Amino acid sequence: MRKILSIVLIALLCPRTYGQLFPQHSAGIRVAGGYYGDAHDQGGTRGIVGGEACLFCEDRRALFLEYSHFFPGSDVYDNADLVAAGIRLQGREKNRFFFDLGVAVGNSRVRSTSVSTVGATFGAGFQITVGPRLYFSPFFRIYPMNHTNIAGSFGTGLGLRF
């Protein structure tokens, strides 16, 4: 009886373990250029590095998570950090377009002042399969935030599906 219950429990917890077309999750790094600051200022382009993850990616709807670190862009602006999460709408093909909608939380430092912001995430990109598990993903993002702040990025991600 214990063996049967164990098998049923495993089958319920891991229904897509065998025979799936695509790996279920993905994670990677991203490199980009973009802007983070007041919408009325001309702060200049910043270099951006970060991480990305996609959960339940074999479906047309998935969850995305991302972290971006914005390097200083001018004498006025210091570093900034942004975290975002939301829903990814995508195709089911091996190479697929995706659209992201979600919530973003950021923190920027201007000289000795720290400003936290909350806003939305709108993004689009194309995920290209390079090998059985490796992907390359050019993307574009815009983050309208409160306190008249705005952020945006254009770059590429590189990661693994698992």
C-alpha atoms as a PDB file:
ATOM      1  CA  MET A   1       0.000   0.000   0.000  1.00  0.00           C
ATOM      2  CA  ARG A   2       2.857   2.429   0.803  1.00  0.00           C
ATOM      3  CA  LYS A   3       4.430   1.811  -2.600  1.00  0.00           C
ATOM      4  CA  ILE A   4       1.164   2.584  -4.385  1.00  0.00           C
ATOM      5  CA  LEU A   5       0.653   5.784  -2.355  1.00  0.00           C
ATOM      6  CA  SER A   6       4.245   6.837  -3.068  1.00  0.00           C
ATOM      7  CA  ILE A   7       3.798   6.287  -6.810  1.00  0.00           C
ATOM      8  CA  VAL A   8       0.513   8.225  -6.815  1.00  0.00           C
ATOM      9  CA  LEU A   9       2.095  11.063  -4.824  1.00  0.00           C
ATOM     10  CA  ILE A  10       5.056  11.286  -7.208  1.00  0.00           C
ATOM     11  CA  ALA A  11       2.722  11.218 -10.212  1.00  0.00           C
ATOM     12  CA  LEU A  12       0.619  14.053  -8.766  1.00  0.00           C
ATOM     13  CA  LEU A  13       3.603  16.216  -7.804  1.00  0.00           C
ATOM     14  CA  CYS A  14       5.546  15.661 -11.042  1.00  0.00           C
ATOM     15  CA  PRO A  15       2.963  15.231 -13.833  1.00  0.00           C
ATOM     16  CA  ARG A  16       5.235  16.539 -16.584  1.00  0.00           C
ATOM     17  CA  THR A  17       8.468  14.809 -15.684  1.00  0.00           C
ATOM     18  CA  TYR A  18       8.464  12.365 -18.593  1.00  0.00           C
ATOM     19  CA  GLY A  19       7.765  13.038 -22.224  1.00  0.00           C
ATOM     20  CA  GLN A  20       7.737  16.822 -22.166  1.00  0.00           C
ATOM     21  CA  LEU A  21       8.684  18.618 -25.355  1.00  0.00           C
ATOM     22  CA  PHE A  22      10.530  21.495 -23.700  1.00  0.00           C
ATOM     23  CA  PRO A  23      12.321  21.795 -20.391  1.00  0.00           C
ATOM     24  CA  GLN A  24      10.025  23.257 -17.771  1.00  0.00           C
ATOM     25  CA  HIS A  25      12.165  26.120 -16.433  1.00  0.00           C
ATOM     26  CA  SER A  26      15.018  28.339 -17.592  1.00  0.00           C
ATOM     27  CA  ALA A  27      17.525  30.659 -15.946  1.00  0.00           C
ATOM     28  CA  GLY A  28      20.293  32.840 -17.261  1.00  0.00           C
ATOM     29  CA  ILE A  29      22.224  36.063 -17.231  1.00  0.00           C
ATOM     30  CA  ARG A  30      21.564  39.231 -19.185  1.00  0.00           C
ATOM     31  CA  VAL A  31      23.653  42.117 -20.465  1.00  0.00           C
ATOM     32  CA  ALA A  32      22.028  45.316 -21.684  1.00  0.00           C
ATOM     33  CA  GLY A  33      22.129  49.044 -22.039  1.00  0.00           C
ATOM     34  CA  GLY A  34      19.397  51.351 -20.881  1.00  0.00           C
ATOM     35  CA  TYR A  35      18.169  54.129 -18.679  1.00  0.00           C
ATOM     36  CA  TYR A  36      17.000  54.457 -15.065  1.00  0.00           C
ATOM     37  CA  GLY A  37      16.090  57.829 -13.620  1.00  0.00           C
ATOM     38  CA  ASP A  38      13.678  60.736 -13.638  1.00  0.00           C
ATOM     39  CA  ALA A  39      11.697  60.956 -16.861  1.00  0.00           C
ATOM     40  CA  HIS A  40      12.521  64.688 -17.162  1.00  0.00           C
ATOM     41  CA  ASP A  41      16.326  64.337 -16.793  1.00  0.00           C
ATOM     42  CA  GLN A  42      18.850  63.418 -19.437  1.00  0.00           C
ATOM     43  CA  GLY A  43      20.829  60.905 -17.348  1.00  0.00           C
ATOM     44  CA  GLY A  44      22.387  59.075 -20.261  1.00  0.00           C
ATOM     45  CA  THR A  45      22.704  55.411 -21.100  1.00  0.00           C
ATOM     46  CA  ARG A  46      23.744  52.977 -18.402  1.00  0.00           C
ATOM     47  CA  GLY A  47      25.308  49.550 -18.622  1.00  0.00           C
ATOM     48  CA  ILE A  48      23.128  46.812 -17.134  1.00  0.00           C
ATOM     49  CA  VAL A  49      23.841  43.268 -15.922  1.00  0.00           C
ATOM     50  CA  GLY A  50      21.407  40.916 -14.267  1.00  0.00           C
ATOM     51  CA  GLY A  51      19.687  37.587 -14.095  1.00  0.00           C
ATOM     52  CA  GLU A  52      16.495  36.122 -15.475  1.00  0.00           C
ATOM     53  CA  ALA A  53      14.314  33.100 -14.829  1.00  0.00           C
ATOM     54  CA  CYS A  54      11.231  31.625 -16.447  1.00  0.00           C
ATOM     55  CA  LEU A  55       9.043  29.124 -14.597  1.00  0.00           C
ATOM     56  CA  PHE A  56       6.655  26.668 -16.307  1.00  0.00           C
ATOM     57  CA  CYS A  57       8.005  27.726 -19.696  1.00  0.00           C
ATOM     58  CA  GLU A  58       6.610  24.849 -21.744  1.00  0.00           C
ATOM     59  CA  ASP A  59       3.136  26.438 -21.688  1.00  0.00           C
ATOM     60  CA  ARG A  60       1.867  29.449 -23.601  1.00  0.00           C
ATOM     61  CA  ARG A  61       1.676  31.290 -20.274  1.00  0.00           C
ATOM     62  CA  ALA A  62       4.627  31.269 -17.896  1.00  0.00           C
ATOM     63  CA  LEU A  63       6.027  33.243 -14.981  1.00  0.00           C
ATOM     64  CA  PHE A  64       9.130  35.404 -15.318  1.00  0.00           C
ATOM     65  CA  LEU A  65      11.490  36.836 -12.712  1.00  0.00           C
ATOM     66  CA  GLU A  66      14.333  39.241 -13.340  1.00  0.00           C
ATOM     67  CA  TYR A  67      16.967  41.291 -11.570  1.00  0.00           C
ATOM     68  CA  SER A  68      18.841  44.179 -13.188  1.00  0.00           C
ATOM     69  CA  HIS A  69      21.756  46.198 -11.832  1.00  0.00           C
ATOM     70  CA  PHE A  70      22.183  49.599 -13.517  1.00  0.00           C
ATOM     71  CA  PHE A  71      25.706  51.031 -13.401  1.00  0.00           C
ATOM     72  CA  PRO A  72      26.281  54.802 -13.060  1.00  0.00           C
ATOM     73  CA  GLY A  73      25.321  56.725 -16.192  1.00  0.00           C
ATOM     74  CA  SER A  74      26.539  60.237 -15.425  1.00  0.00           C
ATOM     75  CA  ASP A  75      28.071  62.321 -12.644  1.00  0.00           C
ATOM     76  CA  VAL A  76      24.656  62.715 -10.985  1.00  0.00           C
ATOM     77  CA  TYR A  77      23.381  59.131 -10.973  1.00  0.00           C
ATOM     78  CA  ASP A  78      24.867  56.303  -8.932  1.00  0.00           C
ATOM     79  CA  ASN A  79      23.918  52.636  -9.165  1.00  0.00           C
ATOM     80  CA  ALA A  80      20.322  51.415  -9.338  1.00  0.00           C
ATOM     81  CA  ASP A  81      18.734  48.005  -8.848  1.00  0.00           C
ATOM     82  CA  LEU A  82      15.440  46.697 -10.198  1.00  0.00           C
ATOM     83  CA  VAL A  83      13.488  43.482  -9.550  1.00  0.00           C
ATOM     84  CA  ALA A  84      10.488  42.485 -11.673  1.00  0.00           C
ATOM     85  CA  ALA A  85       8.068  39.561 -11.867  1.00  0.00           C
ATOM     86  CA  GLY A  86       4.978  38.765 -13.878  1.00  0.00           C
ATOM     87  CA  ILE A  87       3.321  36.762 -16.621  1.00  0.00           C
ATOM     88  CA  ARG A  88       5.013  35.771 -19.874  1.00  0.00           C
ATOM     89  CA  LEU A  89       2.864  35.151 -22.949  1.00  0.00           C
ATOM     90  CA  GLN A  90       4.738  33.144 -25.566  1.00  0.00           C
ATOM     91  CA  GLY A  91       4.550  30.795 -28.485  1.00  0.00           C
ATOM     92  CA  ARG A  92       5.131  27.053 -28.124  1.00  0.00           C
ATOM     93  CA  GLU A  93       7.720  26.725 -30.881  1.00  0.00           C
ATOM     94  CA  LYS A  94      11.348  25.870 -30.283  1.00  0.00           C
ATOM     95  CA  ASN A  95      12.311  29.481 -31.156  1.00  0.00           C
ATOM     96  CA  ARG A  96       9.593  31.749 -29.803  1.00  0.00           C
ATOM     97  CA  PHE A  97       8.442  35.316 -29.371  1.00  0.00           C
ATOM     98  CA  PHE A  98       7.413  36.378 -25.889  1.00  0.00           C
ATOM     99  CA  PHE A  99       5.658  39.303 -24.234  1.00  0.00           C
ATOM    100  CA  ASP A 100       6.057  40.095 -20.526  1.00  0.00           C
ATOM    101  CA  LEU A 101       3.636  41.995 -18.283  1.00  0.00           C
ATOM    102  CA  GLY A 102       4.350  42.466 -14.610  1.00  0.00           C
ATOM    103  CA  VAL A 103       5.293  44.520 -11.574  1.00  0.00           C
ATOM    104  CA  ALA A 104       8.683  46.148 -10.940  1.00  0.00           C
ATOM    105  CA  VAL A 105      10.341  47.499  -7.791  1.00  0.00           C
ATOM    106  CA  GLY A 106      13.475  49.601  -8.053  1.00  0.00           C
ATOM    107  CA  ASN A 107      15.922  51.554  -5.958  1.00  0.00           C
ATOM    108  CA  SER A 108      18.206  54.250  -7.328  1.00  0.00           C
ATOM    109  CA  ARG A 109      20.868  56.271  -5.622  1.00  0.00           C
ATOM    110  CA  VAL A 110      21.420  59.904  -6.554  1.00  0.00           C
ATOM    111  CA  ARG A 111      24.446  61.256  -4.683  1.00  0.00           C
ATOM    112  CA  SER A 112      23.560  60.575  -1.031  1.00  0.00           C
ATOM    113  CA  THR A 113      19.804  60.064  -1.577  1.00  0.00           C
ATOM    114  CA  SER A 114      18.138  56.708  -2.144  1.00  0.00           C
ATOM    115  CA  VAL A 115      14.783  56.613  -3.963  1.00  0.00           C
ATOM    116  CA  SER A 116      12.585  53.491  -4.066  1.00  0.00           C
ATOM    117  CA  THR A 117      10.060  53.174  -6.871  1.00  0.00           C
ATOM    118  CA  VAL A 118       7.249  50.817  -7.854  1.00  0.00           C
ATOM    119  CA  GLY A 119       5.830  50.412 -11.313  1.00  0.00           C
ATOM    120  CA  ALA A 120       4.935  48.146 -14.186  1.00  0.00           C
ATOM    121  CA  THR A 121       6.974  45.981 -16.544  1.00  0.00           C
ATOM    122  CA  PHE A 122       6.316  45.726 -20.265  1.00  0.00           C
ATOM    123  CA  GLY A 123       8.686  43.680 -22.367  1.00  0.00           C
ATOM    124  CA  ALA A 124       9.117  41.686 -25.543  1.00  0.00           C
ATOM    125  CA  GLY A 125      11.765  39.440 -26.976  1.00  0.00           C
ATOM    126  CA  PHE A 126      12.639  36.372 -28.968  1.00  0.00           C
ATOM    127  CA  GLN A 127      14.109  33.225 -27.419  1.00  0.00           C
ATOM    128  CA  ILE A 128      16.399  31.317 -29.800  1.00  0.00           C
ATOM    129  CA  THR A 129      17.418  27.754 -28.993  1.00  0.00           C
ATOM    130  CA  VAL A 130      21.165  27.231 -29.505  1.00  0.00           C
ATOM    131  CA  GLY A 131      21.522  23.624 -28.285  1.00  0.00           C
ATOM    132  CA  PRO A 132      19.475  21.054 -26.437  1.00  0.00           C
ATOM    133  CA  ARG A 133      19.334  23.263 -23.324  1.00  0.00           C
ATOM    134  CA  LEU A 134      21.092  26.549 -24.186  1.00  0.00           C
ATOM    135  CA  TYR A 135      19.186  29.647 -25.321  1.00  0.00           C
ATOM    136  CA  PHE A 136      19.991  33.141 -26.554  1.00  0.00           C
ATOM    137  CA  SER A 137      17.342  35.824 -26.019  1.00  0.00           C
ATOM    138  CA  PRO A 138      17.372  39.413 -27.362  1.00  0.00           C
ATOM    139  CA  PHE A 139      14.843  41.557 -25.471  1.00  0.00           C
ATOM    140  CA  PHE A 140      13.419  45.035 -24.893  1.00  0.00           C
ATOM    141  CA  ARG A 141      11.924  46.300 -21.607  1.00  0.00           C
ATOM    142  CA  ILE A 142      10.265  49.474 -20.340  1.00  0.00           C
ATOM    143  CA  TYR A 143       9.391  50.157 -16.703  1.00  0.00           C
ATOM    144  CA  PRO A 144       7.145  53.173 -16.001  1.00  0.00           C
ATOM    145  CA  MET A 145       7.559  53.911 -12.276  1.00  0.00           C
ATOM    146  CA  ASN A 146       6.119  56.264  -9.658  1.00  0.00           C
ATOM    147  CA  HIS A 147       7.918  59.519  -8.654  1.00  0.00           C
ATOM    148  CA  THR A 148       8.095  60.292 -12.425  1.00  0.00           C
ATOM    149  CA  ASN A 149      10.849  57.686 -12.807  1.00  0.00           C
ATOM    150  CA  ILE A 150      11.227  55.486 -15.834  1.00  0.00           C
ATOM    151  CA  ALA A 151      13.592  52.671 -16.711  1.00  0.00           C
ATOM    152  CA  GLY A 152      14.233  50.859 -19.938  1.00  0.00           C
ATOM    153  CA  SER A 153      16.646  48.328 -21.334  1.00  0.00           C
ATOM    154  CA  PHE A 154      17.603  46.657 -24.592  1.00  0.00           C
ATOM    155  CA  GLY A 155      19.972  43.707 -24.548  1.00  0.00           C
ATOM    156  CA  THR A 156      20.343  39.966 -24.606  1.00  0.00           C
ATOM    157  CA  GLY A 157      20.077  37.049 -22.250  1.00  0.00           C
ATOM    158  CA  LEU A 158      21.952  33.764 -22.314  1.00  0.00           C
ATOM    159  CA  GLY A 159      20.878  30.797 -20.225  1.00  0.00           C
ATOM    160  CA  LEU A 160      19.938  27.163 -19.746  1.00  0.00           C
ATOM    161  CA  ARG A 161      16.641  25.337 -19.815  1.00  0.00           C
ATOM    162  CA  PHE A 162      16.125  22.629 -17.231  1.00  0.00           C
END
